[in-house]
Amino acid sequence: MWERCVLVGAVWGFTNAWMRLADARYVRSETDNSLKSMLLNWRWVLAFLANQSGSLLFYVILKEADLSVAVPVTQATTLVFTVLGAILLGEPFGGNIPCKPEPLSTGLIVFELT
């Protein structure tokens, strides 16, 4: 069961980084921050749809999983995979990330629950 939670965390984490990159590369005017503008960015829409597939899988998991295990494992692995995705996509650390996540403490949370 926890393997599927890690899979959802991976989908959410990588697509979080992917959506941030897709939005950063999209050129728009300063006055155009509308939903229409986001929906015209096909890279962002593709990442968003992939992210929502993780949400669907999460709801399926919640039907049969213990909530006190599924939610923390999924959230912790989402954090780890968001950092890994940002690194793989070449996002610089320090500039636009408000706090640097601690992978060791996140890993300890995940492995303590399994």
N, C-alpha and C. Protein backbone atom coordinates (compact mmCIF):
# COMPACT_ATOMS: atom_id res chain seq x y z
N MET A 1 0.81 -1.19 0.00
CA MET A 1 0.00 0.00 0.00
C MET A 1 0.86 1.26 0.00
N TRP A 2 1.90 1.28 0.80
CA TRP A 2 2.73 2.49 0.87
C TRP A 2 3.48 2.74 -0.43
N GLU A 3 3.67 1.68 -1.24
CA GLU A 3 4.34 1.86 -2.53
C GLU A 3 3.53 2.77 -3.44
N ARG A 4 2.20 2.61 -3.38
CA ARG A 4 1.34 3.47 -4.19
C ARG A 4 1.36 4.91 -3.67
N CYS A 5 1.50 5.06 -2.35
CA CYS A 5 1.61 6.41 -1.79
C CYS A 5 2.89 7.09 -2.27
N VAL A 6 3.97 6.32 -2.35
CA VAL A 6 5.24 6.86 -2.85
C VAL A 6 5.10 7.21 -4.33
N LEU A 7 4.37 6.39 -5.08
CA LEU A 7 4.14 6.69 -6.50
C LEU A 7 3.37 8.00 -6.66
N VAL A 8 2.34 8.21 -5.84
CA VAL A 8 1.58 9.46 -5.90
C VAL A 8 2.49 10.63 -5.53
N GLY A 9 3.32 10.45 -4.49
CA GLY A 9 4.27 11.49 -4.11
C GLY A 9 5.23 11.83 -5.24
N ALA A 10 5.66 10.80 -5.97
CA ALA A 10 6.56 11.03 -7.10
C ALA A 10 5.85 11.80 -8.22
N VAL A 11 4.63 11.40 -8.52
CA VAL A 11 3.86 12.10 -9.58
C VAL A 11 3.64 13.55 -9.18
N TRP A 12 3.16 13.76 -7.96
CA TRP A 12 2.92 15.14 -7.51
C TRP A 12 4.20 15.95 -7.45
N GLY A 13 5.26 15.35 -6.91
CA GLY A 13 6.51 16.09 -6.76
C GLY A 13 7.12 16.51 -8.08
N PHE A 14 7.24 15.56 -9.01
CA PHE A 14 7.84 15.89 -10.30
C PHE A 14 6.97 16.86 -11.09
N THR A 15 5.66 16.70 -11.00
CA THR A 15 4.81 17.62 -11.76
C THR A 15 4.76 19.00 -11.11
N ASN A 16 4.96 19.10 -9.80
CA ASN A 16 5.07 20.43 -9.16
C ASN A 16 6.24 21.20 -9.76
N ALA A 17 7.38 20.53 -9.85
CA ALA A 17 8.56 21.18 -10.42
C ALA A 17 8.36 21.47 -11.91
N TRP A 18 7.71 20.57 -12.61
CA TRP A 18 7.45 20.73 -14.04
C TRP A 18 6.51 21.91 -14.29
N MET A 19 5.44 22.04 -13.48
CA MET A 19 4.52 23.17 -13.65
C MET A 19 5.21 24.50 -13.36
N ARG A 20 6.06 24.53 -12.34
CA ARG A 20 6.78 25.76 -12.02
C ARG A 20 7.70 26.16 -13.17
N LEU A 21 8.40 25.17 -13.76
CA LEU A 21 9.28 25.45 -14.89
C LEU A 21 8.48 25.90 -16.11
N ALA A 22 7.36 25.23 -16.38
CA ALA A 22 6.54 25.59 -17.54
C ALA A 22 5.99 27.00 -17.39
N ASP A 23 5.60 27.38 -16.18
CA ASP A 23 5.09 28.72 -15.97
C ASP A 23 6.19 29.77 -16.08
N ALA A 24 7.38 29.44 -15.61
CA ALA A 24 8.49 30.40 -15.66
C ALA A 24 8.94 30.66 -17.10
N ARG A 25 8.83 29.66 -17.96
CA ARG A 25 9.27 29.82 -19.35
C ARG A 25 8.23 30.47 -20.25
N TYR A 26 7.00 30.57 -19.76
CA TYR A 26 5.93 31.14 -20.58
C TYR A 26 6.01 32.66 -20.52
N VAL A 27 6.07 33.27 -21.68
CA VAL A 27 6.18 34.73 -21.75
C VAL A 27 4.78 35.31 -21.87
N ARG A 28 4.44 36.19 -20.95
CA ARG A 28 3.16 36.88 -20.99
C ARG A 28 3.35 38.31 -20.53
N SER A 29 2.39 39.12 -20.83
CA SER A 29 2.49 40.52 -20.42
C SER A 29 2.22 40.62 -18.92
N GLU A 30 2.66 41.71 -18.32
CA GLU A 30 2.49 41.91 -16.89
C GLU A 30 1.03 42.03 -16.49
N THR A 31 0.20 42.47 -17.38
CA THR A 31 -1.22 42.65 -17.05
C THR A 31 -2.04 41.38 -17.32
N ASP A 32 -1.44 40.38 -17.94
CA ASP A 32 -2.18 39.18 -18.31
C ASP A 32 -1.86 38.03 -17.35
N ASN A 33 -2.59 37.94 -16.26
CA ASN A 33 -2.43 36.84 -15.31
C ASN A 33 -3.72 36.05 -15.20
N SER A 34 -4.42 35.90 -16.29
CA SER A 34 -5.73 35.27 -16.27
C SER A 34 -5.62 33.76 -16.44
N LEU A 35 -6.73 33.10 -16.17
CA LEU A 35 -6.82 31.66 -16.37
C LEU A 35 -6.63 31.32 -17.85
N LYS A 36 -7.16 32.16 -18.71
CA LYS A 36 -7.01 31.94 -20.15
C LYS A 36 -5.53 31.90 -20.53
N SER A 37 -4.75 32.78 -19.94
CA SER A 37 -3.33 32.82 -20.22
C SER A 37 -2.64 31.51 -19.81
N MET A 38 -3.03 30.98 -18.66
CA MET A 38 -2.43 29.72 -18.21
C MET A 38 -2.86 28.56 -19.10
N LEU A 39 -4.12 28.55 -19.50
CA LEU A 39 -4.61 27.45 -20.33
C LEU A 39 -4.04 27.47 -21.74
N LEU A 40 -3.56 28.62 -22.19
CA LEU A 40 -2.90 28.69 -23.50
C LEU A 40 -1.47 28.17 -23.45
N ASN A 41 -0.92 28.02 -22.26
CA ASN A 41 0.43 27.49 -22.09
C ASN A 41 0.34 25.96 -22.08
N TRP A 42 0.54 25.33 -23.22
CA TRP A 42 0.33 23.88 -23.33
C TRP A 42 1.28 23.09 -22.45
N ARG A 43 2.48 23.58 -22.18
CA ARG A 43 3.41 22.86 -21.31
C ARG A 43 2.87 22.79 -19.88
N TRP A 44 2.30 23.91 -19.43
CA TRP A 44 1.73 23.94 -18.09
C TRP A 44 0.49 23.05 -18.00
N VAL A 45 -0.35 23.08 -19.04
CA VAL A 45 -1.57 22.26 -19.05
C VAL A 45 -1.21 20.78 -19.01
N LEU A 46 -0.21 20.39 -19.77
CA LEU A 46 0.22 18.99 -19.78
C LEU A 46 0.72 18.56 -18.39
N ALA A 47 1.52 19.40 -17.75
CA ALA A 47 2.00 19.10 -16.40
C ALA A 47 0.85 19.06 -15.40
N PHE A 48 -0.11 19.98 -15.55
CA PHE A 48 -1.26 20.01 -14.66
C PHE A 48 -2.10 18.74 -14.78
N LEU A 49 -2.32 18.27 -16.00
CA LEU A 49 -3.09 17.05 -16.21
C LEU A 49 -2.37 15.84 -15.62
N ALA A 50 -1.06 15.80 -15.75
CA ALA A 50 -0.29 14.71 -15.12
C ALA A 50 -0.42 14.79 -13.60
N ASN A 51 -0.38 16.00 -13.05
CA ASN A 51 -0.54 16.19 -11.62
C ASN A 51 -1.92 15.70 -11.16
N GLN A 52 -2.93 15.98 -11.93
CA GLN A 52 -4.28 15.56 -11.55
C GLN A 52 -4.46 14.04 -11.64
N SER A 53 -3.68 13.38 -12.50
CA SER A 53 -3.74 11.92 -12.53
C SER A 53 -3.22 11.35 -11.21
N GLY A 54 -2.24 12.02 -10.61
CA GLY A 54 -1.78 11.62 -9.28
C GLY A 54 -2.87 11.80 -8.24
N SER A 55 -3.66 12.85 -8.38
CA SER A 55 -4.77 13.09 -7.45
C SER A 55 -5.83 11.99 -7.56
N LEU A 56 -6.12 11.57 -8.77
CA LEU A 56 -7.08 10.48 -8.95
C LEU A 56 -6.57 9.19 -8.30
N LEU A 57 -5.31 8.89 -8.49
CA LEU A 57 -4.72 7.70 -7.86
C LEU A 57 -4.77 7.82 -6.34
N PHE A 58 -4.54 9.01 -5.81
CA PHE A 58 -4.58 9.23 -4.37
C PHE A 58 -5.97 8.94 -3.81
N TYR A 59 -7.00 9.37 -4.50
CA TYR A 59 -8.37 9.08 -4.05
C TYR A 59 -8.67 7.58 -4.07
N VAL A 60 -8.14 6.87 -5.05
CA VAL A 60 -8.31 5.43 -5.09
C VAL A 60 -7.60 4.78 -3.90
N ILE A 61 -6.42 5.26 -3.60
CA ILE A 61 -5.66 4.73 -2.47
C ILE A 61 -6.39 4.98 -1.15
N LEU A 62 -6.99 6.15 -1.01
CA LEU A 62 -7.66 6.49 0.24
C LEU A 62 -8.85 5.59 0.55
N LYS A 63 -9.43 4.96 -0.47
CA LYS A 63 -10.54 4.04 -0.23
C LYS A 63 -10.11 2.85 0.61
N GLU A 64 -8.88 2.39 0.44
CA GLU A 64 -8.47 1.16 1.10
C GLU A 64 -7.29 1.33 2.06
N ALA A 65 -6.75 2.51 2.16
CA ALA A 65 -5.56 2.71 2.98
C ALA A 65 -5.92 3.32 4.33
N ASP A 66 -5.02 3.12 5.28
CA ASP A 66 -5.14 3.77 6.58
C ASP A 66 -4.73 5.23 6.41
N LEU A 67 -5.63 6.13 6.73
CA LEU A 67 -5.42 7.56 6.50
C LEU A 67 -4.20 8.08 7.25
N SER A 68 -3.94 7.54 8.45
CA SER A 68 -2.82 8.03 9.25
C SER A 68 -1.47 7.62 8.67
N VAL A 69 -1.46 6.72 7.73
CA VAL A 69 -0.22 6.33 7.06
C VAL A 69 -0.15 6.94 5.66
N ALA A 70 -1.25 6.87 4.93
CA ALA A 70 -1.24 7.29 3.52
C ALA A 70 -0.92 8.77 3.36
N VAL A 71 -1.52 9.61 4.16
CA VAL A 71 -1.32 11.05 3.99
C VAL A 71 0.11 11.48 4.33
N PRO A 72 0.67 11.10 5.49
CA PRO A 72 2.05 11.53 5.78
C PRO A 72 3.09 10.98 4.80
N VAL A 73 2.92 9.72 4.38
CA VAL A 73 3.88 9.15 3.43
C VAL A 73 3.80 9.89 2.10
N THR A 74 2.60 10.15 1.64
CA THR A 74 2.43 10.86 0.37
C THR A 74 2.98 12.27 0.44
N GLN A 75 2.70 12.98 1.52
CA GLN A 75 3.17 14.36 1.65
C GLN A 75 4.69 14.42 1.77
N ALA A 76 5.28 13.51 2.54
CA ALA A 76 6.74 13.52 2.70
C ALA A 76 7.44 13.19 1.39
N THR A 77 6.92 12.20 0.67
CA THR A 77 7.57 11.85 -0.59
C THR A 77 7.33 12.92 -1.66
N THR A 78 6.21 13.62 -1.58
CA THR A 78 5.98 14.73 -2.51
C THR A 78 7.06 15.79 -2.34
N LEU A 79 7.39 16.10 -1.11
CA LEU A 79 8.45 17.07 -0.84
C LEU A 79 9.78 16.62 -1.42
N VAL A 80 10.13 15.36 -1.18
CA VAL A 80 11.41 14.84 -1.68
C VAL A 80 11.44 14.87 -3.21
N PHE A 81 10.37 14.42 -3.85
CA PHE A 81 10.35 14.37 -5.31
C PHE A 81 10.23 15.77 -5.94
N THR A 82 9.66 16.72 -5.22
CA THR A 82 9.65 18.09 -5.73
C THR A 82 11.07 18.64 -5.78
N VAL A 83 11.85 18.36 -4.74
CA VAL A 83 13.25 18.81 -4.72
C VAL A 83 14.04 18.09 -5.81
N LEU A 84 13.86 16.77 -5.94
CA LEU A 84 14.58 16.02 -6.98
C LEU A 84 14.18 16.52 -8.38
N GLY A 85 12.90 16.76 -8.58
CA GLY A 85 12.44 17.26 -9.87
C GLY A 85 13.03 18.62 -10.19
N ALA A 86 13.07 19.49 -9.18
CA ALA A 86 13.65 20.82 -9.39
C ALA A 86 15.13 20.72 -9.74
N ILE A 87 15.83 19.82 -9.09
CA ILE A 87 17.26 19.63 -9.38
C ILE A 87 17.43 19.09 -10.80
N LEU A 88 16.64 18.08 -11.17
CA LEU A 88 16.75 17.49 -12.51
C LEU A 88 16.38 18.48 -13.61
N LEU A 89 15.46 19.39 -13.32
CA LEU A 89 15.05 20.38 -14.32
C LEU A 89 15.94 21.62 -14.31
N GLY A 90 16.95 21.63 -13.44
CA GLY A 90 17.93 22.71 -13.43
C GLY A 90 17.50 23.96 -12.71
N GLU A 91 16.56 23.84 -11.79
CA GLU A 91 16.12 25.02 -11.05
C GLU A 91 17.16 25.39 -10.00
N PRO A 92 17.56 26.65 -9.95
CA PRO A 92 18.57 27.06 -8.98
C PRO A 92 17.99 27.10 -7.56
N PHE A 93 18.80 26.68 -6.60
CA PHE A 93 18.37 26.72 -5.21
C PHE A 93 18.72 28.06 -4.59
N GLY A 94 17.89 28.49 -3.66
CA GLY A 94 18.17 29.69 -2.91
C GLY A 94 17.43 30.91 -3.38
N GLY A 95 17.23 31.07 -4.68
CA GLY A 95 16.61 32.28 -5.18
C GLY A 95 15.12 32.36 -4.91
N ASN A 96 14.35 31.41 -5.43
CA ASN A 96 12.90 31.51 -5.30
C ASN A 96 12.32 30.43 -4.40
N ILE A 97 13.14 29.69 -3.70
CA ILE A 97 12.65 28.71 -2.74
C ILE A 97 12.76 29.32 -1.36
N PRO A 98 11.62 29.51 -0.65
CA PRO A 98 11.65 30.21 0.63
C PRO A 98 12.45 29.50 1.71
N CYS A 99 12.44 28.19 1.71
CA CYS A 99 13.22 27.46 2.70
C CYS A 99 13.78 26.22 2.04
N LYS A 100 14.94 25.82 2.46
CA LYS A 100 15.56 24.63 1.90
C LYS A 100 15.07 23.41 2.65
N PRO A 101 14.45 22.45 1.96
CA PRO A 101 13.94 21.26 2.64
C PRO A 101 15.08 20.39 3.14
N GLU A 102 14.82 19.67 4.17
CA GLU A 102 15.80 18.77 4.75
C GLU A 102 15.48 17.34 4.33
N PRO A 103 16.15 16.81 3.31
CA PRO A 103 15.84 15.46 2.83
C PRO A 103 16.05 14.38 3.89
N LEU A 104 17.03 14.54 4.77
CA LEU A 104 17.26 13.54 5.80
C LEU A 104 16.07 13.43 6.73
N SER A 105 15.57 14.54 7.22
CA SER A 105 14.44 14.49 8.15
C SER A 105 13.19 13.98 7.44
N THR A 106 13.01 14.33 6.17
CA THR A 106 11.86 13.83 5.42
C THR A 106 11.98 12.32 5.25
N GLY A 107 13.18 11.85 4.94
CA GLY A 107 13.39 10.41 4.81
C GLY A 107 13.12 9.67 6.10
N LEU A 108 13.53 10.25 7.21
CA LEU A 108 13.25 9.61 8.49
C LEU A 108 11.76 9.52 8.77
N ILE A 109 11.01 10.53 8.40
CA ILE A 109 9.56 10.50 8.57
C ILE A 109 8.97 9.37 7.74
N VAL A 110 9.40 9.25 6.50
CA VAL A 110 8.85 8.23 5.61
C VAL A 110 9.19 6.84 6.12
N PHE A 111 10.43 6.60 6.49
CA PHE A 111 10.83 5.25 6.88
C PHE A 111 10.35 4.88 8.27
N GLU A 112 10.04 5.84 9.11
CA GLU A 112 9.49 5.53 10.41
C GLU A 112 8.05 5.03 10.28
N LEU A 113 7.34 5.50 9.28
CA LEU A 113 5.95 5.11 9.08
C LEU A 113 5.79 3.77 8.38
N THR A 114 6.85 3.28 7.75
CA THR A 114 6.72 2.02 7.01
C THR A 114 7.09 0.84 7.84
